[in-house]
Amino acid sequence: MSQEFNYREIITKAVCGKGRKFSEATHTISPSHRPSSILGCWIINHKYSAEKKGDSVVVQGSYDINVWFSYNKNTKTDVATQTVTYSDAIPLSMQDENVLSEEMDVIARAVQQPNTLEATISENGANVDVQVEREFLVECIGETKVAVAVNPDGLIEDFPVTAAADDVSDEEYERLDPNFLHSEFDK
């Protein structure tokens, strides 16, 4: 059996760039009445799109901020709603230099949906300052070339098999620890 391998180049789509970014922003909401206290704040209707620009991915989006507040010396309540927009440039920390085309598919995923950290009455007493956090993970998928070793002797059918699934007894299977392997998210 010969040990000299030939190589073939295969063109395939693969992740050719990755990036991640955590952002915080403060938005000023102007309610219709002068607030006495903040009773709650939540964010809904998050929408976004992503596009590769140079060595980064720009995520543009919007969401609605709802602030529930009391006014008139805490005798009445109301909800102020405001739509805000944002633009986050996410640098690509990993980039494949062997991409065959500049045309890429971009996948953006909100790891942390926009979330209210704190809502406070501003110093002027008429507005509400809302501190928001969000985090995105982006991937660029493009065509690239990979080299694969090809055995000139063809497929080797008699690989030594150390253990097959059929060789595990029921008793051994019951003793397996299901918590042995953990994903990176369990850490």
N, C-alpha and C. Protein backbone atom coordinates (compact mmCIF):
# COMPACT_ATOMS: atom_id res chain seq x y z
N MET A 1 0.85 -1.19 0.00
CA MET A 1 0.00 0.00 0.00
C MET A 1 0.89 1.24 0.00
N SER A 2 0.67 2.14 -0.88
CA SER A 2 1.44 3.37 -1.02
C SER A 2 0.99 4.41 0.00
N GLN A 3 1.93 5.18 0.55
CA GLN A 3 1.60 6.22 1.52
C GLN A 3 1.69 7.62 0.89
N GLU A 4 1.92 7.70 -0.38
CA GLU A 4 2.02 8.99 -1.04
C GLU A 4 0.62 9.49 -1.39
N PHE A 5 0.26 10.66 -0.88
CA PHE A 5 -1.07 11.20 -1.10
C PHE A 5 -1.02 12.29 -2.17
N ASN A 6 -2.05 12.36 -2.93
CA ASN A 6 -2.27 13.48 -3.84
C ASN A 6 -3.23 14.43 -3.16
N TYR A 7 -3.31 15.65 -3.64
CA TYR A 7 -4.22 16.62 -3.05
C TYR A 7 -5.18 17.13 -4.12
N ARG A 8 -6.41 17.32 -3.72
CA ARG A 8 -7.42 17.91 -4.60
C ARG A 8 -7.87 19.20 -3.95
N GLU A 9 -8.14 20.16 -4.78
CA GLU A 9 -8.69 21.41 -4.27
C GLU A 9 -10.19 21.39 -4.47
N ILE A 10 -10.91 21.70 -3.42
CA ILE A 10 -12.37 21.70 -3.46
C ILE A 10 -12.84 23.12 -3.17
N ILE A 11 -13.74 23.61 -3.99
CA ILE A 11 -14.33 24.92 -3.76
C ILE A 11 -15.64 24.70 -3.01
N THR A 12 -15.77 25.39 -1.89
CA THR A 12 -16.95 25.21 -1.03
C THR A 12 -17.32 26.51 -0.34
N LYS A 13 -18.52 26.55 0.17
CA LYS A 13 -18.92 27.69 1.01
C LYS A 13 -18.55 27.37 2.44
N ALA A 14 -18.00 28.35 3.13
CA ALA A 14 -17.58 28.16 4.52
C ALA A 14 -17.65 29.50 5.24
N VAL A 15 -17.59 29.44 6.58
CA VAL A 15 -17.52 30.66 7.37
C VAL A 15 -16.13 31.26 7.15
N CYS A 16 -16.11 32.45 6.57
CA CYS A 16 -14.86 33.11 6.21
C CYS A 16 -14.59 34.34 7.07
N GLY A 17 -15.48 34.64 7.98
CA GLY A 17 -15.28 35.77 8.87
C GLY A 17 -16.24 35.71 10.04
N LYS A 18 -15.75 36.10 11.23
CA LYS A 18 -16.59 36.11 12.43
C LYS A 18 -16.29 37.34 13.25
N GLY A 19 -17.31 37.79 13.96
CA GLY A 19 -17.14 38.91 14.86
C GLY A 19 -18.22 38.92 15.93
N ARG A 20 -17.92 39.61 17.03
CA ARG A 20 -18.87 39.70 18.14
C ARG A 20 -18.69 41.06 18.80
N LYS A 21 -19.82 41.66 19.19
CA LYS A 21 -19.72 42.98 19.83
C LYS A 21 -20.84 43.17 20.83
N PHE A 22 -20.46 43.65 22.00
CA PHE A 22 -21.40 44.03 23.06
C PHE A 22 -21.49 45.55 23.04
N SER A 23 -22.71 46.09 23.10
CA SER A 23 -22.90 47.55 23.06
C SER A 23 -23.84 47.99 24.17
N GLU A 24 -23.59 49.18 24.65
CA GLU A 24 -24.51 49.85 25.58
C GLU A 24 -24.83 51.21 25.00
N ALA A 25 -26.06 51.64 25.20
CA ALA A 25 -26.49 52.95 24.69
C ALA A 25 -27.47 53.55 25.69
N THR A 26 -27.52 54.87 25.72
CA THR A 26 -28.49 55.57 26.55
C THR A 26 -29.40 56.37 25.63
N HIS A 27 -30.71 56.16 25.79
CA HIS A 27 -31.71 56.86 24.98
C HIS A 27 -32.53 57.76 25.88
N THR A 28 -32.88 58.93 25.39
CA THR A 28 -33.71 59.87 26.14
C THR A 28 -35.14 59.80 25.61
N ILE A 29 -36.07 59.47 26.49
CA ILE A 29 -37.48 59.37 26.15
C ILE A 29 -38.17 60.61 26.71
N SER A 30 -39.05 61.22 25.90
CA SER A 30 -39.76 62.42 26.32
C SER A 30 -41.24 62.10 26.52
N PRO A 31 -41.64 61.83 27.77
CA PRO A 31 -43.06 61.52 28.02
C PRO A 31 -43.94 62.77 27.90
N SER A 32 -45.24 62.54 27.77
CA SER A 32 -46.19 63.64 27.61
C SER A 32 -46.41 64.42 28.90
N HIS A 33 -46.09 63.81 30.06
CA HIS A 33 -46.22 64.47 31.36
C HIS A 33 -44.89 64.40 32.09
N ARG A 34 -44.68 65.32 33.01
CA ARG A 34 -43.45 65.32 33.82
C ARG A 34 -43.52 64.13 34.79
N PRO A 35 -42.59 63.15 34.68
CA PRO A 35 -42.69 61.94 35.51
C PRO A 35 -42.36 62.19 36.99
N SER A 36 -43.11 61.51 37.86
CA SER A 36 -42.82 61.53 39.30
C SER A 36 -41.93 60.35 39.66
N SER A 37 -42.22 59.17 39.07
CA SER A 37 -41.39 57.99 39.31
C SER A 37 -41.51 57.04 38.12
N ILE A 38 -40.52 56.17 37.97
CA ILE A 38 -40.51 55.16 36.90
C ILE A 38 -41.07 53.87 37.49
N LEU A 39 -42.08 53.32 36.85
CA LEU A 39 -42.73 52.09 37.34
C LEU A 39 -42.26 50.86 36.56
N GLY A 40 -41.74 51.05 35.37
CA GLY A 40 -41.26 49.93 34.58
C GLY A 40 -40.76 50.40 33.23
N CYS A 41 -39.94 49.57 32.61
CA CYS A 41 -39.42 49.89 31.29
C CYS A 41 -39.13 48.59 30.55
N TRP A 42 -39.59 48.48 29.31
CA TRP A 42 -39.35 47.27 28.53
C TRP A 42 -39.15 47.63 27.08
N ILE A 43 -38.53 46.71 26.36
CA ILE A 43 -38.20 46.92 24.95
C ILE A 43 -38.88 45.83 24.13
N ILE A 44 -39.55 46.25 23.05
CA ILE A 44 -40.24 45.30 22.17
C ILE A 44 -39.96 45.66 20.70
N ASN A 45 -40.41 44.80 19.81
CA ASN A 45 -40.36 45.03 18.35
C ASN A 45 -38.95 45.27 17.82
N HIS A 46 -38.00 44.45 18.25
CA HIS A 46 -36.62 44.58 17.77
C HIS A 46 -36.51 44.02 16.35
N LYS A 47 -35.99 44.84 15.44
CA LYS A 47 -35.77 44.44 14.04
C LYS A 47 -34.38 44.90 13.65
N TYR A 48 -33.69 44.07 12.84
CA TYR A 48 -32.35 44.47 12.41
C TYR A 48 -31.97 43.78 11.11
N SER A 49 -30.97 44.35 10.44
CA SER A 49 -30.40 43.76 9.24
C SER A 49 -28.89 43.99 9.30
N ALA A 50 -28.15 43.18 8.54
CA ALA A 50 -26.69 43.27 8.59
C ALA A 50 -26.12 43.27 7.18
N GLU A 51 -25.00 43.98 7.01
CA GLU A 51 -24.33 44.07 5.72
C GLU A 51 -22.83 44.19 5.95
N LYS A 52 -22.05 43.46 5.15
CA LYS A 52 -20.59 43.53 5.26
C LYS A 52 -20.11 44.80 4.58
N LYS A 53 -19.25 45.53 5.29
CA LYS A 53 -18.65 46.74 4.75
C LYS A 53 -17.18 46.75 5.15
N GLY A 54 -16.31 46.47 4.18
CA GLY A 54 -14.88 46.41 4.46
C GLY A 54 -14.54 45.26 5.39
N ASP A 55 -13.82 45.57 6.48
CA ASP A 55 -13.40 44.56 7.45
C ASP A 55 -14.36 44.44 8.62
N SER A 56 -15.60 44.86 8.43
CA SER A 56 -16.57 44.76 9.52
C SER A 56 -17.96 44.50 8.94
N VAL A 57 -18.87 44.20 9.84
CA VAL A 57 -20.28 44.01 9.48
C VAL A 57 -21.06 45.11 10.22
N VAL A 58 -21.89 45.81 9.50
CA VAL A 58 -22.71 46.87 10.10
C VAL A 58 -24.12 46.32 10.31
N VAL A 59 -24.53 46.33 11.59
CA VAL A 59 -25.88 45.90 11.95
C VAL A 59 -26.69 47.15 12.22
N GLN A 60 -27.78 47.32 11.45
CA GLN A 60 -28.67 48.46 11.65
C GLN A 60 -30.01 47.93 12.11
N GLY A 61 -30.58 48.60 13.11
CA GLY A 61 -31.84 48.10 13.62
C GLY A 61 -32.64 49.16 14.35
N SER A 62 -33.77 48.70 14.89
CA SER A 62 -34.65 49.59 15.66
C SER A 62 -35.41 48.77 16.69
N TYR A 63 -35.89 49.43 17.70
CA TYR A 63 -36.75 48.82 18.71
C TYR A 63 -37.58 49.90 19.38
N ASP A 64 -38.67 49.47 20.01
CA ASP A 64 -39.55 50.38 20.73
C ASP A 64 -39.23 50.30 22.22
N ILE A 65 -39.05 51.45 22.82
CA ILE A 65 -38.85 51.53 24.27
C ILE A 65 -40.16 52.01 24.89
N ASN A 66 -40.66 51.26 25.85
CA ASN A 66 -41.88 51.63 26.56
C ASN A 66 -41.52 51.92 28.01
N VAL A 67 -41.88 53.12 28.48
CA VAL A 67 -41.61 53.50 29.86
C VAL A 67 -42.95 53.73 30.55
N TRP A 68 -43.19 52.95 31.59
CA TRP A 68 -44.39 53.12 32.42
C TRP A 68 -43.99 54.02 33.58
N PHE A 69 -44.69 55.12 33.74
CA PHE A 69 -44.30 56.11 34.75
C PHE A 69 -45.54 56.68 35.44
N SER A 70 -45.30 57.23 36.62
CA SER A 70 -46.37 57.95 37.31
C SER A 70 -46.09 59.45 37.16
N TYR A 71 -47.17 60.23 37.27
CA TYR A 71 -47.02 61.69 37.19
C TYR A 71 -48.09 62.33 38.08
N ASN A 72 -48.09 63.65 38.13
CA ASN A 72 -49.03 64.39 38.95
C ASN A 72 -48.93 63.93 40.41
N LYS A 73 -47.69 63.95 40.94
CA LYS A 73 -47.37 63.55 42.33
C LYS A 73 -47.82 62.11 42.62
N ASN A 74 -47.50 61.22 41.68
CA ASN A 74 -47.80 59.78 41.81
C ASN A 74 -49.29 59.45 41.91
N THR A 75 -50.15 60.28 41.30
CA THR A 75 -51.59 60.00 41.34
C THR A 75 -52.11 59.41 40.04
N LYS A 76 -51.33 59.50 38.95
CA LYS A 76 -51.75 58.98 37.65
C LYS A 76 -50.58 58.27 37.00
N THR A 77 -50.90 57.37 36.04
CA THR A 77 -49.84 56.67 35.32
C THR A 77 -50.07 56.78 33.82
N ASP A 78 -48.98 56.56 33.08
CA ASP A 78 -49.04 56.59 31.63
C ASP A 78 -47.86 55.77 31.10
N VAL A 79 -47.91 55.46 29.82
CA VAL A 79 -46.80 54.76 29.16
C VAL A 79 -46.33 55.62 28.01
N ALA A 80 -45.02 55.91 28.02
CA ALA A 80 -44.41 56.65 26.91
C ALA A 80 -43.71 55.64 26.02
N THR A 81 -43.97 55.72 24.71
CA THR A 81 -43.37 54.80 23.76
C THR A 81 -42.59 55.59 22.72
N GLN A 82 -41.38 55.12 22.45
CA GLN A 82 -40.56 55.79 21.44
C GLN A 82 -39.75 54.73 20.68
N THR A 83 -39.72 54.87 19.36
CA THR A 83 -38.91 53.98 18.53
C THR A 83 -37.54 54.60 18.36
N VAL A 84 -36.50 53.81 18.62
CA VAL A 84 -35.12 54.29 18.46
C VAL A 84 -34.41 53.42 17.43
N THR A 85 -33.45 54.00 16.76
CA THR A 85 -32.65 53.28 15.77
C THR A 85 -31.20 53.24 16.24
N TYR A 86 -30.47 52.27 15.72
CA TYR A 86 -29.05 52.16 16.06
C TYR A 86 -28.28 51.59 14.87
N SER A 87 -26.97 51.75 14.93
CA SER A 87 -26.07 51.19 13.93
C SER A 87 -24.81 50.75 14.66
N ASP A 88 -24.52 49.44 14.63
CA ASP A 88 -23.33 48.89 15.28
C ASP A 88 -22.38 48.35 14.23
N ALA A 89 -21.15 48.86 14.20
CA ALA A 89 -20.11 48.32 13.32
C ALA A 89 -19.37 47.24 14.10
N ILE A 90 -19.43 46.00 13.63
CA ILE A 90 -18.83 44.88 14.33
C ILE A 90 -17.58 44.45 13.56
N PRO A 91 -16.39 44.66 14.14
CA PRO A 91 -15.17 44.26 13.44
C PRO A 91 -15.07 42.74 13.35
N LEU A 92 -14.54 42.27 12.24
CA LEU A 92 -14.36 40.83 12.05
C LEU A 92 -13.03 40.42 12.67
N SER A 93 -13.09 39.66 13.76
CA SER A 93 -11.88 39.24 14.45
C SER A 93 -11.22 38.06 13.76
N MET A 94 -11.98 37.29 13.00
CA MET A 94 -11.45 36.17 12.24
C MET A 94 -11.84 36.39 10.79
N GLN A 95 -10.83 36.39 9.90
CA GLN A 95 -11.11 36.53 8.47
C GLN A 95 -10.24 35.56 7.69
N ASP A 96 -10.83 34.86 6.74
CA ASP A 96 -10.11 33.96 5.86
C ASP A 96 -9.59 34.78 4.68
N GLU A 97 -8.30 34.75 4.47
CA GLU A 97 -7.70 35.52 3.38
C GLU A 97 -7.86 34.83 2.02
N ASN A 98 -8.31 33.56 2.02
CA ASN A 98 -8.42 32.79 0.78
C ASN A 98 -9.81 32.81 0.18
N VAL A 99 -10.58 33.83 0.47
CA VAL A 99 -11.94 33.93 -0.08
C VAL A 99 -11.83 34.18 -1.58
N LEU A 100 -12.66 33.47 -2.34
CA LEU A 100 -12.58 33.58 -3.80
C LEU A 100 -13.36 34.77 -4.35
N SER A 101 -14.33 35.28 -3.58
CA SER A 101 -15.16 36.38 -4.07
C SER A 101 -15.48 37.32 -2.91
N GLU A 102 -15.62 38.58 -3.22
CA GLU A 102 -16.00 39.55 -2.19
C GLU A 102 -17.47 39.42 -1.81
N GLU A 103 -18.24 38.73 -2.66
CA GLU A 103 -19.67 38.55 -2.39
C GLU A 103 -19.85 37.48 -1.32
N MET A 104 -20.47 37.87 -0.20
CA MET A 104 -20.66 36.95 0.92
C MET A 104 -22.06 37.07 1.48
N ASP A 105 -22.52 35.98 2.06
CA ASP A 105 -23.76 36.00 2.82
C ASP A 105 -23.40 36.38 4.25
N VAL A 106 -24.21 37.24 4.85
CA VAL A 106 -23.95 37.68 6.22
C VAL A 106 -25.07 37.17 7.12
N ILE A 107 -24.67 36.54 8.21
CA ILE A 107 -25.62 36.07 9.21
C ILE A 107 -25.34 36.84 10.49
N ALA A 108 -26.36 37.51 11.01
CA ALA A 108 -26.23 38.24 12.28
C ALA A 108 -27.24 37.65 13.25
N ARG A 109 -26.77 37.41 14.47
CA ARG A 109 -27.65 36.85 15.49
C ARG A 109 -27.50 37.68 16.77
N ALA A 110 -28.63 38.06 17.33
CA ALA A 110 -28.61 38.82 18.58
C ALA A 110 -28.37 37.83 19.72
N VAL A 111 -27.16 37.82 20.26
CA VAL A 111 -26.84 36.97 21.40
C VAL A 111 -27.57 37.51 22.63
N GLN A 112 -27.60 38.83 22.76
CA GLN A 112 -28.33 39.51 23.83
C GLN A 112 -29.28 40.49 23.16
N GLN A 113 -30.58 40.18 23.19
CA GLN A 113 -31.57 41.10 22.64
C GLN A 113 -31.49 42.42 23.42
N PRO A 114 -31.86 43.54 22.79
CA PRO A 114 -31.84 44.81 23.53
C PRO A 114 -32.63 44.67 24.83
N ASN A 115 -32.00 45.10 25.91
CA ASN A 115 -32.54 44.90 27.24
C ASN A 115 -32.29 46.16 28.07
N THR A 116 -33.28 46.55 28.86
CA THR A 116 -33.14 47.73 29.71
C THR A 116 -32.28 47.41 30.91
N LEU A 117 -31.22 48.19 31.10
CA LEU A 117 -30.40 48.05 32.30
C LEU A 117 -30.93 48.95 33.42
N GLU A 118 -31.30 50.19 33.04
CA GLU A 118 -31.78 51.15 34.04
C GLU A 118 -32.58 52.25 33.35
N ALA A 119 -33.62 52.69 34.00
CA ALA A 119 -34.41 53.83 33.52
C ALA A 119 -34.52 54.82 34.67
N THR A 120 -34.07 56.04 34.43
CA THR A 120 -34.06 57.07 35.48
C THR A 120 -34.62 58.38 34.93
N ILE A 121 -35.17 59.17 35.83
CA ILE A 121 -35.64 60.50 35.45
C ILE A 121 -34.41 61.37 35.25
N SER A 122 -34.36 62.09 34.12
CA SER A 122 -33.18 62.90 33.81
C SER A 122 -33.08 64.08 34.76
N GLU A 123 -31.92 64.74 34.73
CA GLU A 123 -31.65 65.86 35.63
C GLU A 123 -32.65 67.00 35.46
N ASN A 124 -33.14 67.22 34.24
CA ASN A 124 -34.09 68.32 34.03
C ASN A 124 -35.49 67.95 34.54
N GLY A 125 -35.70 66.67 34.89
CA GLY A 125 -36.97 66.23 35.48
C GLY A 125 -38.09 66.01 34.48
N ALA A 126 -37.86 66.30 33.21
CA ALA A 126 -38.93 66.18 32.21
C ALA A 126 -38.79 64.93 31.34
N ASN A 127 -37.61 64.35 31.27
CA ASN A 127 -37.35 63.20 30.40
C ASN A 127 -36.96 61.97 31.21
N VAL A 128 -36.88 60.84 30.50
CA VAL A 128 -36.43 59.59 31.12
C VAL A 128 -35.23 59.10 30.31
N ASP A 129 -34.12 58.83 31.01
CA ASP A 129 -32.93 58.27 30.37
C ASP A 129 -32.96 56.75 30.55
N VAL A 130 -32.89 56.03 29.43
CA VAL A 130 -32.96 54.58 29.45
C VAL A 130 -31.63 54.02 28.96
N GLN A 131 -30.98 53.24 29.81
CA GLN A 131 -29.72 52.60 29.45
C GLN A 131 -30.04 51.20 28.94
N VAL A 132 -29.53 50.88 27.73
CA VAL A 132 -29.86 49.63 27.04
C VAL A 132 -28.57 48.89 26.69
N GLU A 133 -28.62 47.55 26.77
CA GLU A 133 -27.50 46.73 26.32
C GLU A 133 -27.97 45.80 25.21
N ARG A 134 -27.03 45.41 24.33
CA ARG A 134 -27.31 44.45 23.26
C ARG A 134 -25.98 43.84 22.83
N GLU A 135 -26.06 42.64 22.25
CA GLU A 135 -24.84 41.97 21.79
C GLU A 135 -25.16 41.17 20.54
N PHE A 136 -24.25 41.25 19.55
CA PHE A 136 -24.43 40.54 18.29
C PHE A 136 -23.23 39.65 17.98
N LEU A 137 -23.54 38.54 17.33
CA LEU A 137 -22.55 37.64 16.76
C LEU A 137 -22.81 37.63 15.25
N VAL A 138 -21.76 37.86 14.45
CA VAL A 138 -21.93 37.88 13.00
C VAL A 138 -20.99 36.87 12.35
N GLU A 139 -21.45 36.31 11.24
CA GLU A 139 -20.63 35.39 10.45
C GLU A 139 -20.79 35.76 8.98
N CYS A 140 -19.68 35.72 8.27
CA CYS A 140 -19.68 35.95 6.83
C CYS A 140 -19.39 34.61 6.15
N ILE A 141 -20.25 34.23 5.23
CA ILE A 141 -20.11 32.95 4.54
C ILE A 141 -19.78 33.23 3.08
N GLY A 142 -18.66 32.69 2.64
CA GLY A 142 -18.22 32.93 1.27
C GLY A 142 -17.60 31.69 0.66
N GLU A 143 -17.28 31.78 -0.62
CA GLU A 143 -16.64 30.67 -1.30
C GLU A 143 -15.15 30.69 -1.03
N THR A 144 -14.61 29.52 -0.70
CA THR A 144 -13.19 29.39 -0.43
C THR A 144 -12.71 28.07 -1.00
N LYS A 145 -11.39 27.88 -1.02
CA LYS A 145 -10.81 26.66 -1.58
C LYS A 145 -10.12 25.92 -0.45
N VAL A 146 -10.38 24.62 -0.35
CA VAL A 146 -9.71 23.78 0.64
C VAL A 146 -8.99 22.65 -0.09
N ALA A 147 -7.87 22.21 0.48
CA ALA A 147 -7.11 21.10 -0.10
C ALA A 147 -7.41 19.85 0.71
N VAL A 148 -7.67 18.75 0.01
CA VAL A 148 -8.02 17.49 0.64
C VAL A 148 -7.05 16.42 0.15
N ALA A 149 -6.48 15.65 1.11
CA ALA A 149 -5.58 14.56 0.74
C ALA A 149 -6.38 13.42 0.14
N VAL A 150 -5.91 12.89 -0.98
CA VAL A 150 -6.57 11.79 -1.67
C VAL A 150 -5.61 10.61 -1.67
N ASN A 151 -6.05 9.48 -1.15
CA ASN A 151 -5.24 8.28 -1.12
C ASN A 151 -5.27 7.64 -2.51
N PRO A 152 -4.09 7.45 -3.15
CA PRO A 152 -4.08 6.88 -4.50
C PRO A 152 -4.54 5.42 -4.52
N ASP A 153 -4.54 4.76 -3.37
CA ASP A 153 -4.99 3.36 -3.32
C ASP A 153 -6.49 3.26 -3.17
N GLY A 154 -7.18 4.39 -3.14
CA GLY A 154 -8.63 4.37 -3.02
C GLY A 154 -9.08 4.23 -1.58
N LEU A 155 -10.30 3.80 -1.40
CA LEU A 155 -10.90 3.66 -0.09
C LEU A 155 -10.31 2.48 0.65
N ILE A 156 -9.90 2.71 1.87
CA ILE A 156 -9.38 1.62 2.70
C ILE A 156 -10.55 1.11 3.51
N GLU A 157 -10.98 -0.10 3.22
CA GLU A 157 -12.18 -0.66 3.83
C GLU A 157 -11.91 -1.36 5.14
N ASP A 158 -10.66 -1.72 5.40
CA ASP A 158 -10.39 -2.51 6.60
C ASP A 158 -9.72 -1.67 7.69
N PHE A 159 -10.33 -0.52 8.02
CA PHE A 159 -9.85 0.28 9.15
C PHE A 159 -10.02 -0.54 10.42
N PRO A 160 -9.05 -0.52 11.32
CA PRO A 160 -9.24 -1.24 12.58
C PRO A 160 -10.30 -0.54 13.43
N VAL A 161 -11.27 -1.28 13.87
CA VAL A 161 -12.34 -0.73 14.68
C VAL A 161 -12.05 -1.11 16.12
N THR A 162 -11.91 -0.10 16.99
CA THR A 162 -11.57 -0.38 18.38
C THR A 162 -12.79 -0.75 19.20
N ALA A 163 -13.90 -0.09 18.96
CA ALA A 163 -15.12 -0.43 19.69
C ALA A 163 -16.31 -0.01 18.83
N ALA A 164 -17.22 -0.89 18.67
CA ALA A 164 -18.43 -0.57 17.92
C ALA A 164 -19.56 -0.37 18.90
N ALA A 165 -20.58 0.35 18.48
CA ALA A 165 -21.72 0.62 19.36
C ALA A 165 -22.41 -0.68 19.77
N ASP A 166 -22.36 -1.69 18.89
CA ASP A 166 -23.00 -2.97 19.21
C ASP A 166 -22.27 -3.73 20.29
N ASP A 167 -20.98 -3.40 20.53
CA ASP A 167 -20.19 -4.12 21.51
C ASP A 167 -20.40 -3.62 22.93
N VAL A 168 -21.19 -2.57 23.13
CA VAL A 168 -21.44 -2.02 24.46
C VAL A 168 -22.63 -2.74 25.06
N SER A 169 -22.41 -3.31 26.23
CA SER A 169 -23.49 -4.05 26.88
C SER A 169 -24.49 -3.08 27.51
N ASP A 170 -25.68 -3.58 27.80
CA ASP A 170 -26.70 -2.76 28.45
C ASP A 170 -26.21 -2.25 29.80
N GLU A 171 -25.49 -3.09 30.51
CA GLU A 171 -24.97 -2.69 31.83
C GLU A 171 -23.96 -1.55 31.70
N GLU A 172 -23.07 -1.63 30.70
CA GLU A 172 -22.10 -0.55 30.48
C GLU A 172 -22.80 0.73 30.05
N TYR A 173 -23.81 0.58 29.24
CA TYR A 173 -24.56 1.74 28.77
C TYR A 173 -25.24 2.45 29.94
N GLU A 174 -25.79 1.71 30.88
CA GLU A 174 -26.46 2.31 32.04
C GLU A 174 -25.48 3.04 32.95
N ARG A 175 -24.21 2.64 32.94
CA ARG A 175 -23.20 3.27 33.81
C ARG A 175 -22.62 4.55 33.20
N LEU A 176 -22.97 4.86 31.96
CA LEU A 176 -22.45 6.07 31.33
C LEU A 176 -22.94 7.32 32.07
N ASP A 177 -22.04 8.27 32.25
CA ASP A 177 -22.37 9.53 32.92
C ASP A 177 -22.86 10.52 31.86
N PRO A 178 -24.16 10.91 31.87
CA PRO A 178 -24.67 11.83 30.84
C PRO A 178 -24.11 13.23 30.99
N ASN A 179 -23.50 13.55 32.11
CA ASN A 179 -22.94 14.89 32.34
C ASN A 179 -21.45 14.94 32.04
N PHE A 180 -20.92 13.90 31.42
CA PHE A 180 -19.49 13.84 31.15
C PHE A 180 -19.06 14.95 30.19
N LEU A 181 -19.80 15.15 29.13
CA LEU A 181 -19.49 16.19 28.16
C LEU A 181 -20.40 17.38 28.38
N HIS A 182 -19.81 18.56 28.38
CA HIS A 182 -20.58 19.79 28.55
C HIS A 182 -20.32 20.68 27.35
N SER A 183 -21.35 21.41 26.97
CA SER A 183 -21.16 22.36 25.88
C SER A 183 -20.49 23.61 26.44
N GLU A 184 -19.99 24.48 25.56
CA GLU A 184 -19.34 25.70 26.00
C GLU A 184 -20.30 26.65 26.71
N PHE A 185 -21.62 26.46 26.52
CA PHE A 185 -22.60 27.34 27.14
C PHE A 185 -22.86 26.94 28.59
N ASP A 186 -22.44 25.71 28.98
CA ASP A 186 -22.67 25.26 30.35
C ASP A 186 -21.62 25.80 31.31
N LYS A 187 -20.59 26.42 30.79
CA LYS A 187 -19.49 26.90 31.65
C LYS A 187 -19.86 28.16 32.37
